[in-house]
Structures are given as C-alpha cells and as structure tokens.
Amino acid sequence: MSSFYQPSAELLHAFGFVRFASPPGQARYSRPSACGQETIVLYDDGELSLLENVSSQLLYSFQGRLASEAELRVLLRQVNWPAEVLLSS
C-alpha cells in the first residue's frame, strides 16, 4: 500500500500560508508573494497542486504526489517559492 506525504496545517502556517474555504475533498492554503499569490491545494487522495496567481493570470506549477517533507521543500525551491519557516516576532 502506497502512502503519500502531505504537509500539515502547522507546517504550511509556519511557511506563511493561511487556510481558505475550499470544496469538499480538498484543503486550500495561500500566501502573498512578491508577484501575486501562492496557493497549495491538498486533495484527499494524497495529491497536491501548487498554483501561482501573477498579474491576474493563474500559473500551475505542479500537480502530483510527494514522498516527504524534504521533497516538498525541494519542489518549493524549484518553483522559486520560499521554503523556510517564518519567524514570528
């Protein structure tokens, strides 16, 4: 039986993502970027999508499954999204 990694709400929050309303079967988290809005959508089947809205255009950066948090961090860096935990003051 295959298992897939999905980031926890706590990790996404630490990365600066905020949860937004979404349809059944998915959880949607977004954060502002220098150029627009970055969104991660987690699906109940273990898949996830990265979407970026820049200048009112939606760019799909990735859709698939991940094996680990390390793979998530590499993926975020590949699409030029910060992959570090934000420090709260």
N, C-alpha and C. Protein backbone atom coordinates (compact mmCIF):
# COMPACT_ATOMS: atom_id res chain seq x y z
N MET A 1 0.83 -1.17 0.00
CA MET A 1 0.00 0.00 0.00
C MET A 1 0.89 1.25 0.00
N SER A 2 0.65 2.14 -0.94
CA SER A 2 1.44 3.36 -1.04
C SER A 2 0.90 4.42 -0.09
N SER A 3 1.83 5.16 0.47
CA SER A 3 1.41 6.30 1.27
C SER A 3 2.12 7.53 0.71
N PHE A 4 1.43 8.63 0.73
CA PHE A 4 1.96 9.85 0.18
C PHE A 4 2.05 10.90 1.26
N TYR A 5 3.03 11.77 1.14
CA TYR A 5 3.23 12.85 2.11
C TYR A 5 2.38 14.05 1.74
N GLN A 6 1.71 14.62 2.72
CA GLN A 6 1.07 15.92 2.58
C GLN A 6 1.49 16.76 3.77
N PRO A 7 1.86 18.01 3.53
CA PRO A 7 2.29 18.86 4.64
C PRO A 7 1.15 19.11 5.61
N SER A 8 1.49 19.24 6.87
CA SER A 8 0.49 19.51 7.91
C SER A 8 0.07 20.98 7.84
N ALA A 9 -1.09 21.26 8.42
CA ALA A 9 -1.56 22.64 8.51
C ALA A 9 -0.55 23.48 9.29
N GLU A 10 0.05 22.90 10.32
CA GLU A 10 1.03 23.62 11.13
C GLU A 10 2.25 24.03 10.31
N LEU A 11 2.75 23.11 9.48
CA LEU A 11 3.91 23.43 8.65
C LEU A 11 3.56 24.51 7.63
N LEU A 12 2.41 24.37 6.98
CA LEU A 12 2.01 25.38 6.00
C LEU A 12 1.84 26.74 6.67
N HIS A 13 1.27 26.76 7.87
CA HIS A 13 1.13 28.01 8.61
C HIS A 13 2.51 28.60 8.92
N ALA A 14 3.46 27.75 9.31
CA ALA A 14 4.82 28.22 9.60
C ALA A 14 5.49 28.79 8.36
N PHE A 15 5.10 28.31 7.17
CA PHE A 15 5.62 28.83 5.90
C PHE A 15 4.89 30.11 5.49
N GLY A 16 3.88 30.52 6.26
CA GLY A 16 3.16 31.75 5.94
C GLY A 16 1.85 31.55 5.21
N PHE A 17 1.43 30.31 5.02
CA PHE A 17 0.16 30.03 4.33
C PHE A 17 -1.00 30.12 5.31
N VAL A 18 -2.14 30.58 4.82
CA VAL A 18 -3.37 30.70 5.59
C VAL A 18 -4.42 29.84 4.91
N ARG A 19 -5.20 29.11 5.70
CA ARG A 19 -6.23 28.24 5.12
C ARG A 19 -7.44 29.06 4.67
N PHE A 20 -7.95 28.70 3.49
CA PHE A 20 -9.13 29.34 2.93
C PHE A 20 -10.21 28.30 2.69
N ALA A 21 -11.44 28.75 2.55
CA ALA A 21 -12.55 27.84 2.24
C ALA A 21 -12.25 27.11 0.94
N SER A 22 -12.68 25.85 0.89
CA SER A 22 -12.46 25.05 -0.32
C SER A 22 -13.57 24.01 -0.43
N PRO A 23 -13.74 23.46 -1.62
CA PRO A 23 -14.77 22.42 -1.81
C PRO A 23 -14.44 21.16 -1.03
N PRO A 24 -15.42 20.29 -0.80
CA PRO A 24 -15.15 19.01 -0.14
C PRO A 24 -14.07 18.23 -0.89
N GLY A 25 -13.24 17.52 -0.15
CA GLY A 25 -12.20 16.70 -0.76
C GLY A 25 -10.88 17.41 -0.94
N GLN A 26 -10.80 18.67 -0.51
CA GLN A 26 -9.54 19.40 -0.64
C GLN A 26 -9.41 20.45 0.47
N ALA A 27 -8.16 20.83 0.71
CA ALA A 27 -7.85 21.91 1.65
C ALA A 27 -6.96 22.90 0.89
N ARG A 28 -7.29 24.18 0.98
CA ARG A 28 -6.60 25.21 0.21
C ARG A 28 -5.90 26.19 1.15
N TYR A 29 -4.62 26.41 0.90
CA TYR A 29 -3.79 27.32 1.69
C TYR A 29 -3.12 28.31 0.75
N SER A 30 -3.11 29.60 1.09
CA SER A 30 -2.50 30.62 0.24
C SER A 30 -1.66 31.58 1.06
N ARG A 31 -0.73 32.23 0.36
CA ARG A 31 0.07 33.30 0.96
C ARG A 31 0.42 34.28 -0.15
N PRO A 32 0.63 35.54 0.23
CA PRO A 32 1.05 36.52 -0.78
C PRO A 32 2.49 36.27 -1.21
N SER A 33 2.80 36.62 -2.44
CA SER A 33 4.18 36.54 -2.94
C SER A 33 4.59 37.91 -3.43
N ALA A 34 5.81 38.06 -3.85
CA ALA A 34 6.29 39.33 -4.38
C ALA A 34 5.53 39.73 -5.64
N CYS A 35 5.01 38.74 -6.38
CA CYS A 35 4.35 39.00 -7.65
C CYS A 35 2.84 38.73 -7.63
N GLY A 36 2.32 38.13 -6.58
CA GLY A 36 0.90 37.78 -6.58
C GLY A 36 0.52 36.93 -5.39
N GLN A 37 0.01 35.73 -5.67
CA GLN A 37 -0.50 34.82 -4.63
C GLN A 37 -0.03 33.41 -4.91
N GLU A 38 0.51 32.72 -3.89
CA GLU A 38 0.91 31.32 -3.99
C GLU A 38 -0.12 30.48 -3.26
N THR A 39 -0.55 29.38 -3.87
CA THR A 39 -1.57 28.53 -3.27
C THR A 39 -1.15 27.07 -3.35
N ILE A 40 -1.36 26.36 -2.24
CA ILE A 40 -1.18 24.90 -2.21
C ILE A 40 -2.56 24.31 -1.94
N VAL A 41 -2.94 23.34 -2.77
CA VAL A 41 -4.20 22.63 -2.59
C VAL A 41 -3.88 21.19 -2.26
N LEU A 42 -4.38 20.70 -1.13
CA LEU A 42 -4.19 19.31 -0.71
C LEU A 42 -5.48 18.56 -1.00
N TYR A 43 -5.38 17.43 -1.68
CA TYR A 43 -6.54 16.62 -2.03
C TYR A 43 -6.60 15.39 -1.13
N ASP A 44 -7.80 14.91 -0.88
CA ASP A 44 -8.00 13.75 -0.01
C ASP A 44 -7.30 12.49 -0.52
N ASP A 45 -7.02 12.41 -1.83
CA ASP A 45 -6.37 11.21 -2.38
C ASP A 45 -4.85 11.24 -2.28
N GLY A 46 -4.28 12.25 -1.59
CA GLY A 46 -2.84 12.32 -1.41
C GLY A 46 -2.14 13.21 -2.41
N GLU A 47 -2.85 13.70 -3.40
CA GLU A 47 -2.25 14.57 -4.41
C GLU A 47 -2.25 16.00 -3.90
N LEU A 48 -1.38 16.83 -4.47
CA LEU A 48 -1.40 18.25 -4.16
C LEU A 48 -1.10 19.05 -5.42
N SER A 49 -1.50 20.30 -5.41
CA SER A 49 -1.24 21.23 -6.50
C SER A 49 -0.59 22.48 -5.94
N LEU A 50 0.32 23.05 -6.70
CA LEU A 50 0.87 24.37 -6.42
C LEU A 50 0.37 25.27 -7.53
N LEU A 51 -0.21 26.39 -7.16
CA LEU A 51 -0.73 27.34 -8.13
C LEU A 51 -0.20 28.72 -7.77
N GLU A 52 0.09 29.51 -8.78
CA GLU A 52 0.55 30.87 -8.52
C GLU A 52 -0.22 31.83 -9.40
N ASN A 53 -0.80 32.85 -8.79
CA ASN A 53 -1.54 33.89 -9.50
C ASN A 53 -0.61 35.09 -9.60
N VAL A 54 -0.26 35.45 -10.84
CA VAL A 54 0.61 36.58 -11.09
C VAL A 54 -0.06 37.47 -12.12
N SER A 55 -0.23 38.73 -11.79
CA SER A 55 -0.85 39.70 -12.70
C SER A 55 -2.16 39.16 -13.25
N SER A 56 -2.99 38.62 -12.37
CA SER A 56 -4.32 38.09 -12.71
C SER A 56 -4.28 36.90 -13.66
N GLN A 57 -3.15 36.24 -13.78
CA GLN A 57 -3.05 35.01 -14.58
C GLN A 57 -2.67 33.86 -13.65
N LEU A 58 -3.35 32.74 -13.83
CA LEU A 58 -3.10 31.58 -12.99
C LEU A 58 -2.05 30.69 -13.64
N LEU A 59 -0.97 30.43 -12.92
CA LEU A 59 0.11 29.57 -13.40
C LEU A 59 0.09 28.29 -12.58
N TYR A 60 0.01 27.13 -13.21
CA TYR A 60 0.08 25.84 -12.50
C TYR A 60 1.53 25.42 -12.46
N SER A 61 2.08 25.34 -11.28
CA SER A 61 3.48 24.99 -11.14
C SER A 61 3.71 23.50 -11.00
N PHE A 62 2.77 22.81 -10.33
CA PHE A 62 2.96 21.38 -10.05
C PHE A 62 1.63 20.76 -9.67
N GLN A 63 1.43 19.52 -10.08
CA GLN A 63 0.32 18.72 -9.57
C GLN A 63 0.81 17.28 -9.51
N GLY A 64 0.69 16.67 -8.34
CA GLY A 64 1.15 15.29 -8.18
C GLY A 64 1.20 14.90 -6.71
N ARG A 65 2.04 13.92 -6.43
CA ARG A 65 2.18 13.40 -5.07
C ARG A 65 3.63 13.51 -4.64
N LEU A 66 3.84 13.63 -3.34
CA LEU A 66 5.18 13.75 -2.78
C LEU A 66 5.42 12.62 -1.78
N ALA A 67 6.70 12.33 -1.54
CA ALA A 67 7.06 11.25 -0.63
C ALA A 67 7.48 11.76 0.75
N SER A 68 7.91 13.05 0.85
CA SER A 68 8.45 13.52 2.13
C SER A 68 8.43 15.04 2.21
N GLU A 69 8.66 15.54 3.43
CA GLU A 69 8.79 16.99 3.61
C GLU A 69 10.00 17.52 2.85
N ALA A 70 11.07 16.76 2.81
CA ALA A 70 12.26 17.19 2.07
C ALA A 70 11.93 17.39 0.59
N GLU A 71 11.14 16.48 0.03
CA GLU A 71 10.74 16.62 -1.37
C GLU A 71 9.87 17.87 -1.56
N LEU A 72 8.99 18.16 -0.60
CA LEU A 72 8.19 19.38 -0.66
C LEU A 72 9.08 20.61 -0.68
N ARG A 73 10.07 20.66 0.20
CA ARG A 73 10.96 21.82 0.26
C ARG A 73 11.74 22.00 -1.04
N VAL A 74 12.20 20.90 -1.63
CA VAL A 74 12.90 20.97 -2.92
C VAL A 74 11.96 21.49 -4.00
N LEU A 75 10.74 20.98 -4.02
CA LEU A 75 9.75 21.42 -5.01
C LEU A 75 9.48 22.92 -4.87
N LEU A 76 9.28 23.40 -3.65
CA LEU A 76 9.02 24.82 -3.45
C LEU A 76 10.18 25.66 -3.96
N ARG A 77 11.40 25.22 -3.69
CA ARG A 77 12.57 25.97 -4.18
C ARG A 77 12.66 25.93 -5.70
N GLN A 78 12.27 24.82 -6.32
CA GLN A 78 12.33 24.71 -7.78
C GLN A 78 11.38 25.69 -8.46
N VAL A 79 10.26 26.00 -7.83
CA VAL A 79 9.32 26.97 -8.41
C VAL A 79 9.53 28.37 -7.81
N ASN A 80 10.67 28.56 -7.15
CA ASN A 80 11.06 29.84 -6.57
C ASN A 80 10.11 30.35 -5.49
N TRP A 81 9.59 29.43 -4.68
CA TRP A 81 8.78 29.80 -3.52
C TRP A 81 9.64 29.60 -2.28
N PRO A 82 9.59 30.53 -1.32
CA PRO A 82 10.35 30.33 -0.08
C PRO A 82 9.91 29.04 0.62
N ALA A 83 10.87 28.31 1.13
CA ALA A 83 10.60 27.03 1.79
C ALA A 83 11.15 27.02 3.21
N GLU A 84 11.19 28.19 3.82
CA GLU A 84 11.69 28.31 5.18
C GLU A 84 10.56 28.70 6.12
N VAL A 85 10.71 28.31 7.35
CA VAL A 85 9.73 28.66 8.38
C VAL A 85 9.91 30.14 8.70
N LEU A 86 8.79 30.87 8.72
CA LEU A 86 8.83 32.29 9.06
C LEU A 86 8.96 32.45 10.57
N LEU A 87 9.76 33.41 10.99
CA LEU A 87 9.92 33.67 12.42
C LEU A 87 8.88 34.69 12.85
N SER A 88 8.15 34.38 13.92
CA SER A 88 7.18 35.35 14.44
C SER A 88 7.87 36.23 15.47
N SER A 89 7.45 37.47 15.51
CA SER A 89 8.07 38.37 16.49
C SER A 89 7.17 38.58 17.67
